[in-house]
Amino acid sequence: MTIATATPPTAKPRDVQVMPIGPGTTVLRSRTWERLKFEIEYSLKKGTTANAYLIQGDQVALIDPPGQTFTDVFLNKLAQRLGDRAIDYVILGHLNANRAATIERLLEASQPPRFICSNPAAITLRSLFPDRDLAIEVVRGEETLDLGQGHLLKFIPIPTPRWPDGMVTYDPASQIAFTDKLYGAHVCGDQIFDEGWQIYEDDRRFYYDCLHASQSKQVSTALDKLDDLPAATYAPGHGPIVRYGFAELRHAYRHWTQQQTEKELSVALIFASAYGNTAAVAQSIARGITKAGVAVESINCEYLDPEEIKGAIEKCAGFIIGSPTLGGHAPTQIQTALGIVLNSADKSKPAGVFGSFGWSGEAIDLLESKLQDGGYQFAMPTIRVKFAPTQAVLQQCEEAGTDFAQALQRANKRRAPKPAAGTADRTAQAVGRVVGSLCVVTASQDDVQTAMLASWVSQATFKPPGVTIAVAKERAIESLMHEGSQFVLNVLAEGKQLRRHFMKNFPPGADRFEGLQVETASNGCPVLTDALAFLECTVRSRMECGDHWVVYATANSGKVLDTTGVTAVHHRRSGSQY
């Protein structure tokens, strides 16, 4: 399936918030109040902050300057804090190309700063400024830098497939660990620290699930390194600084990471990314796989040893490989990885292919044809993304990942011996006798519309009128059912055919409303006009319960469409059935 893309909407005006956070330490939070990008981790649409940090001892260090959209306003705020002082060092927790404009301006100073970063970041930095003689100090182990006045900075590399140049900086003077992509959240507001940290639980969990669940092995190693630091505060690259919920968030990261490493099945997700588009697609596919309860081992071919690729392929239950197209070809690293796959992967393992391209997609064609010729079966349609992915594209990729994971689970279930009948079966049968109204939940966000047949629905409160809905973690609509999200609960009537329509298995990106009579509610979500009644709802909270999320929502308005109909219910034989 070939997917076209659209230009992202114009964002609201942005600003930079400045506040001291420790001895000689200041945060400069470049704030954007709307969705910044179309990567899946921004889909809660709460904006984000790009956090930079200034440490002033006898010498001055700047950690992680922001991208080019903030260059002017950021440098003005920075100048106000520095006065006549110069920046001696720029420390890069990781390096994106969009920071080049800000770094260029910093290099124009009469005394250009020195850079401290990992080796992958140094390579990127030199490629961004090929005509400059940059002063770069490459961190290879656990080097230190003495800024004076107790600021003896320690640097800890924490490479991951998504950010192979990742690095943590620790300052004993403030007991702050500057954790870059760890412990962050994409949420924007006036609050700098995480007072009342419980309000960020959903945002932080979503951030982890989108960014880190698919690289849990490397995240576990990074957490071990951070445990060795006597830190009292984590200063991430995005969102509020972690101080009040410090212990709880550390525990949560351990728990979430352990959950991933203990999964029975895993998928090897192999990719390379020239401009970030293929990586964004890989991330969305990985999100869909992990939602379905299958682990992912992300493999960035640009930075991984061939033996590690071979090891991942041999132990995985299935594999997916993705590539950009550069000059009509796949990158050399992808061609090498493809050769390893063809020589190492069992033919019984399901496969998948994806990629992004500008004007052509020869690399995707190469991967698809070579795997087909090799006798591999595909468990997802090949995904071709032209230019940068949109939200609809990423939702489609997530659904494809979920379908791939469920195919693995079905195959594994067929191979597993059936357990003998016992107490658990009798309990499941009893649970199955608990019935609820049969409904269709519909939701819409930007250019994404989706729906889910639901029978675990119950009224929860009178004042305000509220309902609870159990949403399986792998359902496509789950991504649109976070706190503050809008949806419509369509209550079905007994004897109607809507139930059959929504019991179908829809392919990724399919129009779930094709052939139905649909209107749009005031909250922008679809209303099924053949339903018995509908409620326009807002998600207020949700609770993780095993393989489901229990969503509590309040009803803002509603209407009975059929005054003579009877509410449909779903009678189950077993409480373990979907």
Protein backbone atom coordinates (compact mmCIF):
# COMPACT_ATOMS: atom_id res chain seq x y z
CA MET A 1 0.00 0.00 0.00
CA THR A 2 1.42 3.37 -1.06
CA ILE A 3 0.62 6.24 1.30
CA ALA A 4 0.59 9.93 0.40
CA THR A 5 1.27 12.57 3.03
CA ALA A 6 0.18 16.09 3.89
CA THR A 7 1.76 19.26 5.26
CA PRO A 8 1.51 19.49 9.09
CA PRO A 9 -0.64 22.31 10.54
CA THR A 10 0.82 25.61 11.68
CA ALA A 11 1.66 25.60 15.39
CA LYS A 12 0.77 28.30 17.94
CA PRO A 13 3.40 30.88 18.97
CA ARG A 14 6.20 29.46 21.11
CA ASP A 15 8.28 30.86 23.96
CA VAL A 16 11.20 30.06 26.28
CA GLN A 17 10.67 29.71 30.03
CA VAL A 18 13.71 30.31 32.28
CA MET A 19 14.11 29.23 35.91
CA PRO A 20 16.97 28.36 38.34
CA ILE A 21 16.73 24.69 39.36
CA GLY A 22 19.90 24.15 41.41
CA PRO A 23 23.25 25.71 42.43
CA GLY A 24 24.54 27.54 39.36
CA THR A 25 22.03 25.64 37.22
CA THR A 26 19.21 27.03 35.07
CA VAL A 27 16.66 25.41 32.80
CA LEU A 28 15.57 27.09 29.56
CA ARG A 29 12.37 25.38 28.40
CA SER A 30 11.51 26.03 24.77
CA ARG A 31 7.75 25.53 24.84
CA THR A 32 5.43 24.57 22.03
CA TRP A 33 1.77 24.41 22.96
CA GLU A 34 0.47 22.20 20.19
CA ARG A 35 1.54 18.95 18.63
CA LEU A 36 5.13 19.48 17.47
CA LYS A 37 5.53 16.66 14.97
CA PHE A 38 3.60 13.72 13.57
CA GLU A 39 5.71 11.10 15.34
CA ILE A 40 3.45 8.83 17.34
CA GLU A 41 4.78 9.98 20.73
CA TYR A 42 3.26 13.44 20.14
CA SER A 43 -0.23 12.11 19.39
CA LEU A 44 -1.71 13.10 22.76
CA LYS A 45 -1.47 16.66 21.39
CA LYS A 46 -0.41 18.25 24.68
CA GLY A 47 2.57 20.07 23.18
CA THR A 48 6.04 19.61 24.60
CA THR A 49 9.11 21.38 25.91
CA ALA A 50 12.66 21.17 24.59
CA ASN A 51 14.67 21.50 27.78
CA ALA A 52 18.14 23.04 27.64
CA TYR A 53 20.26 23.46 30.77
CA LEU A 54 22.88 26.06 31.67
CA ILE A 55 25.55 25.28 34.31
CA GLN A 56 27.72 28.19 35.48
CA GLY A 57 30.81 27.46 37.54
CA ASP A 58 34.20 28.97 36.85
CA GLN A 59 33.42 27.84 33.31
CA VAL A 60 30.06 27.66 31.57
CA ALA A 61 28.38 24.66 29.94
CA LEU A 62 25.17 24.53 27.90
CA ILE A 63 23.37 21.19 27.64
CA ASP A 64 21.19 20.43 24.58
CA PRO A 65 20.38 23.70 22.78
CA PRO A 66 16.99 23.55 20.97
CA GLY A 67 16.12 23.31 17.28
CA GLN A 68 15.96 26.06 14.72
CA THR A 69 12.37 27.16 15.40
CA PHE A 70 13.55 28.47 18.78
CA THR A 71 16.99 29.77 17.77
CA ASP A 72 16.35 33.52 18.05
CA VAL A 73 14.17 33.60 21.16
CA PHE A 74 16.36 31.03 22.91
CA LEU A 75 19.61 32.87 22.27
CA ASN A 76 18.05 36.12 23.48
CA LYS A 77 17.01 34.48 26.75
CA LEU A 78 20.41 32.83 27.04
CA ALA A 79 22.21 36.15 26.59
CA GLN A 80 20.14 37.66 29.41
CA ARG A 81 21.32 34.92 31.76
CA LEU A 82 24.97 35.02 30.70
CA GLY A 83 25.68 38.73 30.54
CA ASP A 84 29.28 39.11 29.37
CA ARG A 85 30.20 35.48 30.01
CA ALA A 86 30.96 33.12 27.14
CA ILE A 87 29.87 29.51 26.75
CA ASP A 88 32.90 27.27 27.17
CA TYR A 89 31.23 23.94 26.42
CA VAL A 90 28.16 22.65 24.59
CA ILE A 91 27.16 19.20 25.84
CA LEU A 92 24.97 17.09 23.57
CA GLY A 93 22.82 14.36 25.12
CA HIS A 94 21.98 13.47 21.52
CA LEU A 95 22.13 15.40 18.26
CA ASN A 96 19.38 16.05 15.73
CA ALA A 97 20.05 17.88 12.48
CA ASN A 98 17.44 20.52 13.36
CA ARG A 99 19.77 21.84 16.08
CA ALA A 100 22.28 22.93 13.46
CA ALA A 101 20.90 26.47 13.16
CA THR A 102 21.23 27.15 16.89
CA ILE A 103 24.68 25.57 17.05
CA GLU A 104 25.77 27.65 14.04
CA ARG A 105 24.90 30.84 15.92
CA LEU A 106 26.78 29.64 19.00
CA LEU A 107 29.84 29.01 16.81
CA GLU A 108 29.76 32.64 15.65
CA ALA A 109 30.88 33.82 19.10
CA SER A 110 34.34 35.35 19.40
CA GLN A 111 35.24 32.37 21.58
CA PRO A 112 33.48 29.34 19.97
CA PRO A 113 32.53 26.62 22.45
CA ARG A 114 34.00 23.15 22.65
CA PHE A 115 31.63 20.23 22.19
CA ILE A 116 31.29 17.20 24.43
CA CYS A 117 29.35 14.28 22.99
CA SER A 118 29.43 10.60 22.10
CA ASN A 119 31.25 9.36 19.01
CA PRO A 120 28.06 8.92 16.89
CA ALA A 121 27.07 12.50 17.76
CA ALA A 122 30.57 13.72 16.85
CA ILE A 123 30.25 12.09 13.43
CA THR A 124 26.90 13.79 12.87
CA LEU A 125 28.24 17.12 14.12
CA ARG A 126 31.16 17.07 11.69
CA SER A 127 28.81 16.18 8.83
CA LEU A 128 26.62 19.18 9.67
CA PHE A 129 29.60 21.55 9.64
CA PRO A 130 32.09 20.07 7.15
CA ASP A 131 33.87 23.40 6.60
CA ARG A 132 34.46 24.20 10.28
CA ASP A 133 37.34 23.10 12.46
CA LEU A 134 35.27 22.02 15.46
CA ALA A 135 36.73 21.39 18.90
CA ILE A 136 35.11 18.12 19.95
CA GLU A 137 35.83 16.01 23.00
CA VAL A 138 34.41 12.53 22.40
CA VAL A 139 33.06 10.62 25.38
CA ARG A 140 33.96 6.94 25.09
CA GLY A 141 33.71 5.77 28.70
CA GLU A 142 32.93 7.75 31.82
CA GLU A 143 34.94 10.94 31.35
CA THR A 144 34.55 13.97 33.62
CA LEU A 145 34.73 17.74 33.20
CA ASP A 146 35.50 20.15 36.05
CA LEU A 147 33.66 23.45 35.58
CA GLY A 148 34.72 24.63 39.02
CA GLN A 149 32.64 25.46 42.13
CA GLY A 150 31.86 21.78 42.64
CA HIS A 151 30.47 21.16 39.15
CA LEU A 152 32.56 18.08 38.34
CA LEU A 153 30.44 16.73 35.51
CA LYS A 154 30.36 13.03 34.74
CA PHE A 155 29.35 11.67 31.32
CA ILE A 156 27.70 8.28 30.78
CA PRO A 157 27.00 6.95 27.25
CA ILE A 158 23.57 5.28 26.99
CA PRO A 159 23.22 4.24 23.31
CA THR A 160 19.88 2.88 22.10
CA PRO A 161 18.71 1.87 18.60
CA ARG A 162 16.63 5.05 18.29
CA TRP A 163 19.37 7.30 19.72
CA PRO A 164 22.73 5.60 19.27
CA ASP A 165 24.43 8.84 20.35
CA GLY A 166 22.60 9.03 23.70
CA MET A 167 24.49 10.34 26.73
CA VAL A 168 23.63 11.28 30.33
CA THR A 169 25.40 14.08 32.21
CA TYR A 170 25.56 14.06 36.03
CA ASP A 171 26.43 17.07 38.20
CA PRO A 172 27.28 16.27 41.86
CA ALA A 173 26.97 19.94 42.86
CA SER A 174 23.21 19.85 42.24
CA GLN A 175 22.71 16.06 42.31
CA ILE A 176 20.96 16.42 38.95
CA ALA A 177 21.25 13.80 36.21
CA PHE A 178 20.48 15.29 32.80
CA THR A 179 18.81 12.24 31.29
CA ASP A 180 18.00 13.40 27.74
CA LYS A 181 15.36 10.97 26.35
CA LEU A 182 14.82 9.04 29.59
CA TYR A 183 12.12 10.00 32.11
CA GLY A 184 10.53 12.61 29.85
CA ALA A 185 6.96 13.41 28.80
CA HIS A 186 5.49 15.34 25.91
CA VAL A 187 3.39 17.82 27.85
CA CYS A 188 3.62 21.61 27.93
CA GLY A 189 2.67 23.91 30.79
CA ASP A 190 3.91 26.46 33.31
CA GLN A 191 4.92 23.84 35.88
CA ILE A 192 8.69 23.21 35.75
CA PHE A 193 9.00 20.50 38.41
CA ASP A 194 6.61 17.57 38.83
CA GLU A 195 4.70 18.67 41.94
CA GLY A 196 1.58 16.52 42.12
CA TRP A 197 3.43 14.04 39.92
CA GLN A 198 0.44 11.70 39.64
CA ILE A 199 -1.08 14.02 37.01
CA TYR A 200 1.79 13.07 34.67
CA GLU A 201 1.47 9.30 35.08
CA ASP A 202 -0.48 8.74 31.86
CA ASP A 203 1.78 11.07 29.86
CA ARG A 204 4.96 9.42 31.12
CA ARG A 205 3.64 5.92 30.50
CA PHE A 206 2.58 6.86 26.96
CA TYR A 207 6.01 8.42 26.33
CA TYR A 208 7.74 5.25 27.55
CA ASP A 209 5.49 2.95 25.52
CA CYS A 210 6.07 4.94 22.33
CA LEU A 211 9.81 5.53 22.67
CA HIS A 212 11.36 2.94 24.94
CA ALA A 213 9.27 -0.25 25.02
CA SER A 214 10.82 -1.41 21.74
CA GLN A 215 14.37 -0.93 23.02
CA SER A 216 13.94 -2.35 26.50
CA LYS A 217 17.25 -4.23 26.50
CA GLN A 218 19.26 -1.05 26.01
CA VAL A 219 17.00 0.92 28.37
CA SER A 220 17.60 -1.68 31.10
CA THR A 221 21.36 -1.19 30.70
CA ALA A 222 20.93 2.58 30.88
CA LEU A 223 18.86 2.29 34.06
CA ASP A 224 21.61 0.19 35.66
CA LYS A 225 24.09 2.97 34.92
CA LEU A 226 21.79 5.63 36.36
CA ASP A 227 21.28 3.60 39.53
CA ASP A 228 24.99 4.06 40.26
CA LEU A 229 24.57 7.85 40.42
CA PRO A 230 23.60 9.53 43.74
CA ALA A 231 21.06 11.70 41.92
CA ALA A 232 18.07 13.35 43.58
CA THR A 233 16.63 14.91 40.41
CA TYR A 234 16.26 13.82 36.80
CA ALA A 235 16.30 16.61 34.22
CA PRO A 236 14.96 15.12 30.97
CA GLY A 237 14.97 16.61 27.50
CA HIS A 238 11.17 16.98 27.44
CA GLY A 239 8.49 17.81 29.97
CA PRO A 240 8.66 18.51 33.72
CA ILE A 241 11.81 17.95 35.77
CA VAL A 242 11.54 14.83 37.94
CA ARG A 243 11.94 15.58 41.65
CA TYR A 244 8.75 14.92 43.62
CA GLY A 245 7.89 11.67 41.86
CA PHE A 246 11.53 10.62 41.57
CA ALA A 247 11.36 7.24 43.34
CA GLU A 248 8.01 6.33 41.82
CA LEU A 249 9.10 7.04 38.25
CA ARG A 250 12.34 5.09 38.68
CA HIS A 251 10.31 2.13 39.92
CA ALA A 252 7.83 2.50 37.06
CA TYR A 253 10.58 2.48 34.43
CA ARG A 254 12.01 -0.70 35.95
CA HIS A 255 8.60 -2.33 36.02
CA TRP A 256 7.70 -1.37 32.45
CA THR A 257 11.09 -2.52 31.17
CA GLN A 258 10.85 -5.84 32.99
CA GLN A 259 7.39 -6.39 31.50
CA GLN A 260 8.88 -6.10 28.02
CA THR A 261 11.85 -8.38 28.66
CA GLU A 262 9.58 -11.13 30.04
CA LYS A 263 7.35 -11.42 26.97
CA GLU A 264 7.09 -14.92 25.51
CA LEU A 265 7.31 -13.78 21.88
CA SER A 266 9.52 -11.14 20.28
CA VAL A 267 9.87 -9.45 16.89
CA ALA A 268 13.17 -8.32 15.42
CA LEU A 269 12.56 -4.86 13.93
CA ILE A 270 15.47 -4.04 11.62
CA PHE A 271 15.85 -0.60 10.06
CA ALA A 272 18.05 2.25 8.94
CA SER A 273 16.89 5.86 8.61
CA ALA A 274 18.47 8.64 6.59
CA TYR A 275 16.22 11.56 7.57
CA GLY A 276 14.18 10.18 10.46
CA ASN A 277 11.10 9.20 8.44
CA THR A 278 11.84 5.47 8.34
CA ALA A 279 12.65 5.54 12.07
CA ALA A 280 9.28 7.21 12.78
CA VAL A 281 7.51 4.47 10.83
CA ALA A 282 9.51 1.79 12.67
CA GLN A 283 8.56 3.37 15.98
CA SER A 284 4.84 3.26 15.11
CA ILE A 285 5.03 -0.38 14.01
CA ALA A 286 6.86 -1.21 17.24
CA ARG A 287 4.17 0.57 19.25
CA GLY A 288 1.49 -1.60 17.64
CA ILE A 289 3.46 -4.78 18.34
CA THR A 290 4.09 -4.00 22.01
CA LYS A 291 0.45 -2.98 22.52
CA ALA A 292 -0.53 -6.49 21.49
CA GLY A 293 1.70 -8.02 24.17
CA VAL A 294 4.65 -9.03 22.00
CA ALA A 295 8.16 -7.74 22.67
CA VAL A 296 10.25 -5.88 20.09
CA GLU A 297 14.00 -5.86 19.66
CA SER A 298 14.78 -2.75 17.64
CA ILE A 299 17.91 -3.03 15.52
CA ASN A 300 19.44 0.08 13.98
CA CYS A 301 21.64 -1.39 11.26
CA GLU A 302 23.85 1.68 11.15
CA TYR A 303 25.27 1.00 14.60
CA LEU A 304 24.90 -2.73 15.28
CA ASP A 305 27.40 -5.52 14.74
CA PRO A 306 26.34 -8.16 12.17
CA GLU A 307 26.67 -10.90 14.80
CA GLU A 308 24.11 -9.11 16.97
CA ILE A 309 21.71 -8.93 14.04
CA LYS A 310 22.18 -12.65 13.45
CA GLY A 311 21.54 -13.41 17.12
CA ALA A 312 18.35 -11.35 17.16
CA ILE A 313 17.07 -13.02 13.99
CA GLU A 314 17.71 -16.52 15.34
CA LYS A 315 15.80 -16.00 18.60
CA CYS A 316 12.85 -13.91 17.31
CA ALA A 317 9.44 -15.32 16.41
CA GLY A 318 9.17 -13.03 13.37
CA PHE A 319 11.00 -10.14 11.77
CA ILE A 320 10.27 -6.86 10.00
CA ILE A 321 12.82 -4.93 7.96
CA GLY A 322 12.60 -1.33 6.77
CA SER A 323 14.72 0.98 4.66
CA PRO A 324 14.86 4.43 3.09
CA THR A 325 15.66 4.71 -0.62
CA LEU A 326 18.86 6.68 -1.27
CA GLY A 327 19.80 7.32 -4.89
CA GLY A 328 17.57 4.48 -6.00
CA HIS A 329 19.18 1.96 -3.65
CA ALA A 330 19.00 0.58 -0.12
CA PRO A 331 21.80 1.72 2.22
CA THR A 332 24.75 -0.66 2.47
CA GLN A 333 23.88 -1.49 6.08
CA ILE A 334 20.40 -2.66 5.05
CA GLN A 335 21.82 -4.78 2.24
CA THR A 336 24.17 -6.39 4.75
CA ALA A 337 21.30 -7.00 7.19
CA LEU A 338 19.18 -8.49 4.39
CA GLY A 339 21.96 -10.95 3.59
CA ILE A 340 22.12 -11.99 7.25
CA VAL A 341 18.34 -12.46 7.34
CA LEU A 342 18.31 -14.61 4.22
CA ASN A 343 21.10 -16.80 5.62
CA SER A 344 19.87 -17.00 9.22
CA ALA A 345 16.08 -16.68 9.48
CA ASP A 346 13.97 -19.83 9.48
CA LYS A 347 11.50 -19.84 6.58
CA SER A 348 8.64 -20.46 9.02
CA LYS A 349 9.14 -17.06 10.65
CA PRO A 350 6.62 -14.42 9.45
CA ALA A 351 8.14 -11.38 7.75
CA GLY A 352 7.25 -7.77 7.03
CA VAL A 353 8.69 -4.91 4.96
CA PHE A 354 8.36 -1.14 5.22
CA GLY A 355 10.17 1.97 4.08
CA SER A 356 10.02 5.65 3.20
CA PHE A 357 11.08 7.41 0.03
CA GLY A 358 11.00 10.74 -1.78
CA TRP A 359 10.62 10.07 -5.49
CA SER A 360 10.99 6.31 -5.73
CA GLY A 361 10.95 3.24 -3.53
CA GLU A 362 13.45 0.81 -5.02
CA ALA A 363 14.82 -0.21 -1.62
CA ILE A 364 11.37 -1.37 -0.51
CA ASP A 365 10.93 -3.33 -3.74
CA LEU A 366 14.33 -4.97 -3.18
CA LEU A 367 13.48 -6.11 0.35
CA GLU A 368 10.06 -7.39 -0.66
CA SER A 369 11.24 -9.32 -3.72
CA LYS A 370 14.27 -10.87 -2.00
CA LEU A 371 12.17 -12.15 0.91
CA GLN A 372 9.47 -13.46 -1.43
CA ASP A 373 12.08 -15.24 -3.53
CA GLY A 374 13.55 -16.65 -0.32
CA GLY A 375 10.26 -18.32 0.54
CA TYR A 376 9.20 -16.14 3.48
CA GLN A 377 5.52 -15.46 4.21
CA PHE A 378 4.38 -11.92 4.98
CA ALA A 379 2.24 -11.28 8.06
CA MET A 380 1.57 -7.64 7.17
CA PRO A 381 1.15 -5.71 3.91
CA THR A 382 4.27 -3.91 2.73
CA ILE A 383 4.19 -0.29 3.93
CA ARG A 384 5.42 2.44 1.58
CA VAL A 385 5.51 5.97 2.97
CA LYS A 386 6.17 8.88 0.66
CA PHE A 387 7.98 11.77 2.36
CA ALA A 388 7.23 12.39 6.08
CA PRO A 389 4.43 10.31 7.64
CA THR A 390 1.18 11.93 8.80
CA GLN A 391 -0.87 10.95 11.84
CA ALA A 392 -3.12 8.79 9.66
CA VAL A 393 -0.07 7.02 8.22
CA LEU A 394 1.39 6.38 11.67
CA GLN A 395 -1.96 5.05 12.91
CA GLN A 396 -2.01 2.68 9.94
CA CYS A 397 1.55 1.55 10.75
CA GLU A 398 0.57 0.95 14.37
CA GLU A 399 -2.38 -1.17 13.29
CA ALA A 400 -0.13 -3.15 10.95
CA GLY A 401 2.23 -3.83 13.85
CA THR A 402 -0.68 -5.06 15.98
CA ASP A 403 -1.87 -7.36 13.19
CA PHE A 404 1.65 -8.77 12.85
CA ALA A 405 1.86 -9.46 16.59
CA GLN A 406 -1.56 -11.10 16.67
CA ALA A 407 -0.59 -13.36 13.77
CA LEU A 408 2.42 -14.53 15.81
CA GLN A 409 0.21 -15.13 18.84
CA ARG A 410 -2.31 -17.16 16.85
CA ALA A 411 0.46 -19.30 15.38
CA ASN A 412 1.99 -19.82 18.82
CA LYS A 413 -1.39 -20.72 20.30
CA ARG A 414 -1.96 -23.38 17.62
CA ARG A 415 1.37 -24.98 18.48
CA ALA A 416 0.81 -24.95 22.24
CA PRO A 417 -0.82 -28.01 23.88
CA LYS A 418 -4.34 -27.41 25.18
CA PRO A 419 -4.56 -27.46 28.99
CA ALA A 420 -6.89 -29.85 30.72
CA ALA A 421 -10.19 -28.46 32.01
CA GLY A 422 -10.01 -27.21 35.57
CA THR A 423 -10.98 -24.50 38.02
CA ALA A 424 -9.71 -21.72 35.75
CA ASP A 425 -12.05 -22.87 32.96
CA ARG A 426 -15.05 -22.95 35.31
CA THR A 427 -14.17 -19.47 36.57
CA ALA A 428 -13.88 -18.14 33.02
CA GLN A 429 -17.27 -19.61 32.20
CA ALA A 430 -18.81 -17.90 35.22
CA VAL A 431 -17.20 -14.58 34.37
CA GLY A 432 -18.58 -14.91 30.86
CA ARG A 433 -22.12 -14.75 32.28
CA VAL A 434 -21.56 -11.12 33.28
CA VAL A 435 -23.16 -9.15 30.44
CA GLY A 436 -23.13 -5.51 29.41
CA SER A 437 -24.71 -3.42 26.70
CA LEU A 438 -23.33 -3.89 23.20
CA CYS A 439 -21.91 -0.62 21.87
CA VAL A 440 -19.66 0.81 19.19
CA VAL A 441 -17.11 3.34 20.40
CA THR A 442 -16.14 5.85 17.70
CA ALA A 443 -13.35 8.41 17.85
CA SER A 444 -11.75 10.96 15.57
CA GLN A 445 -8.51 12.95 15.75
CA ASP A 446 -7.30 15.10 12.87
CA ASP A 447 -7.48 12.83 9.81
CA VAL A 448 -7.86 9.58 11.79
CA GLN A 449 -11.26 7.98 12.41
CA THR A 450 -11.70 4.60 14.04
CA ALA A 451 -14.22 2.45 15.88
CA MET A 452 -14.44 -0.54 18.22
CA LEU A 453 -17.21 -2.98 19.10
CA ALA A 454 -17.47 -3.03 22.91
CA SER A 455 -19.52 -5.18 25.28
CA TRP A 456 -17.66 -4.45 28.54
CA VAL A 457 -19.53 -1.18 29.06
CA SER A 458 -21.23 -0.05 32.25
CA GLN A 459 -22.70 3.08 33.77
CA ALA A 460 -20.31 4.22 36.50
CA THR A 461 -21.64 7.49 37.99
CA PHE A 462 -24.84 9.54 38.22
CA LYS A 463 -23.33 12.96 38.96
CA PRO A 464 -21.76 13.58 36.57
CA PRO A 465 -23.25 10.92 34.29
CA GLY A 466 -20.36 8.59 33.49
CA VAL A 467 -19.50 5.22 32.01
CA THR A 468 -16.61 2.77 32.08
CA ILE A 469 -15.37 0.92 29.01
CA ALA A 470 -12.79 -1.86 28.91
CA VAL A 471 -10.45 -1.35 25.93
CA ALA A 472 -8.01 -4.11 24.98
CA LYS A 473 -4.48 -2.74 24.81
CA GLU A 474 -3.98 -3.79 21.20
CA ARG A 475 -7.14 -2.12 19.86
CA ALA A 476 -6.49 0.65 17.34
CA ILE A 477 -8.83 3.02 19.17
CA GLU A 478 -6.75 2.77 22.36
CA SER A 479 -4.41 5.47 21.05
CA LEU A 480 -7.37 7.88 20.94
CA MET A 481 -8.68 7.06 24.43
CA HIS A 482 -6.40 9.03 26.73
CA GLU A 483 -7.34 11.60 29.36
CA GLY A 484 -9.11 14.53 27.68
CA SER A 485 -9.92 12.59 24.50
CA GLN A 486 -13.39 12.84 22.97
CA PHE A 487 -15.43 9.90 21.68
CA VAL A 488 -18.99 8.79 20.97
CA LEU A 489 -20.56 5.74 22.61
CA ASN A 490 -23.11 4.31 20.15
CA VAL A 491 -25.52 1.98 22.01
CA LEU A 492 -26.70 -0.78 19.66
CA ALA A 493 -30.26 -2.06 19.39
CA GLU A 494 -31.14 -5.75 19.50
CA GLY A 495 -31.62 -7.19 16.02
CA LYS A 496 -29.63 -4.57 14.13
CA GLN A 497 -26.82 -5.48 11.71
CA LEU A 498 -24.23 -3.00 13.01
CA ARG A 499 -22.80 -5.69 15.26
CA ARG A 500 -21.88 -7.90 12.32
CA HIS A 501 -20.24 -5.00 10.51
CA PHE A 502 -17.90 -4.20 13.40
CA MET A 503 -17.08 -7.82 14.17
CA LYS A 504 -15.06 -7.95 10.93
CA ASN A 505 -11.28 -7.84 10.95
CA PHE A 506 -10.38 -4.55 9.28
CA PRO A 507 -7.02 -4.28 7.50
CA PRO A 508 -4.71 -1.43 8.60
CA GLY A 509 -6.01 1.95 7.49
CA ALA A 510 -9.39 0.59 6.32
CA ASP A 511 -12.49 2.80 6.49
CA ARG A 512 -14.50 1.27 9.33
CA PHE A 513 -17.60 3.29 8.38
CA GLU A 514 -17.84 2.38 4.70
CA GLY A 515 -21.43 1.58 3.74
CA LEU A 516 -22.92 2.89 7.00
CA GLN A 517 -25.15 5.87 7.70
CA VAL A 518 -22.95 8.21 9.73
CA GLU A 519 -23.29 11.75 11.04
CA THR A 520 -20.82 13.87 12.97
CA ALA A 521 -21.38 14.69 16.64
CA SER A 522 -20.59 18.12 18.07
CA ASN A 523 -17.30 16.72 19.42
CA GLY A 524 -16.25 15.74 15.88
CA CYS A 525 -16.67 11.97 16.31
CA PRO A 526 -18.89 9.72 14.15
CA VAL A 527 -22.46 8.91 15.19
CA LEU A 528 -24.07 5.74 13.81
CA THR A 529 -27.59 6.83 12.90
CA ASP A 530 -28.87 3.24 13.07
CA ALA A 531 -27.86 2.95 16.71
CA LEU A 532 -30.39 2.87 19.56
CA ALA A 533 -28.82 5.89 21.28
CA PHE A 534 -25.52 7.74 21.52
CA LEU A 535 -23.50 9.62 24.12
CA GLU A 536 -20.82 12.23 23.47
CA CYS A 537 -18.11 11.53 26.03
CA THR A 538 -14.82 12.86 27.41
CA VAL A 539 -12.19 10.56 28.93
CA ARG A 540 -11.49 11.59 32.52
CA SER A 541 -9.14 8.82 33.64
CA ARG A 542 -8.04 5.31 32.82
CA MET A 543 -6.60 2.41 34.79
CA GLU A 544 -4.36 -0.38 33.57
CA CYS A 545 -5.99 -3.75 34.29
CA GLY A 546 -4.11 -6.76 32.91
CA ASP A 547 -4.58 -6.94 29.15
CA HIS A 548 -7.09 -4.04 29.09
CA TRP A 549 -7.37 -0.37 29.98
CA VAL A 550 -10.52 0.51 31.93
CA VAL A 551 -11.53 3.96 30.71
CA TYR A 552 -13.80 6.20 32.79
CA ALA A 553 -15.57 8.92 30.81
CA THR A 554 -18.28 11.47 31.48
CA ALA A 555 -21.21 11.98 29.12
CA ASN A 556 -21.48 15.57 27.93
CA SER A 557 -24.65 15.07 25.86
CA GLY A 558 -26.65 12.31 24.26
CA LYS A 559 -29.80 11.30 22.45
CA VAL A 560 -32.08 8.29 22.03
CA LEU A 561 -32.46 7.60 18.29
CA ASP A 562 -34.91 4.70 18.50
CA THR A 563 -37.50 5.01 21.29
CA THR A 564 -38.99 1.55 20.64
CA GLY A 565 -35.78 -0.48 20.42
CA VAL A 566 -34.21 -2.75 23.06
CA THR A 567 -30.56 -2.50 24.06
CA ALA A 568 -28.42 -5.28 22.60
CA VAL A 569 -26.33 -7.38 24.97
CA HIS A 570 -23.57 -9.90 24.30
CA HIS A 571 -23.84 -13.30 25.98
CA ARG A 572 -20.43 -14.99 26.31
CA ARG A 573 -19.58 -18.60 27.02
CA SER A 574 -16.31 -17.63 28.66
CA GLY A 575 -14.88 -14.55 30.36
CA SER A 576 -11.59 -15.24 28.57
CA GLN A 577 -13.09 -14.80 25.11
CA TYR A 578 -12.63 -11.65 23.08
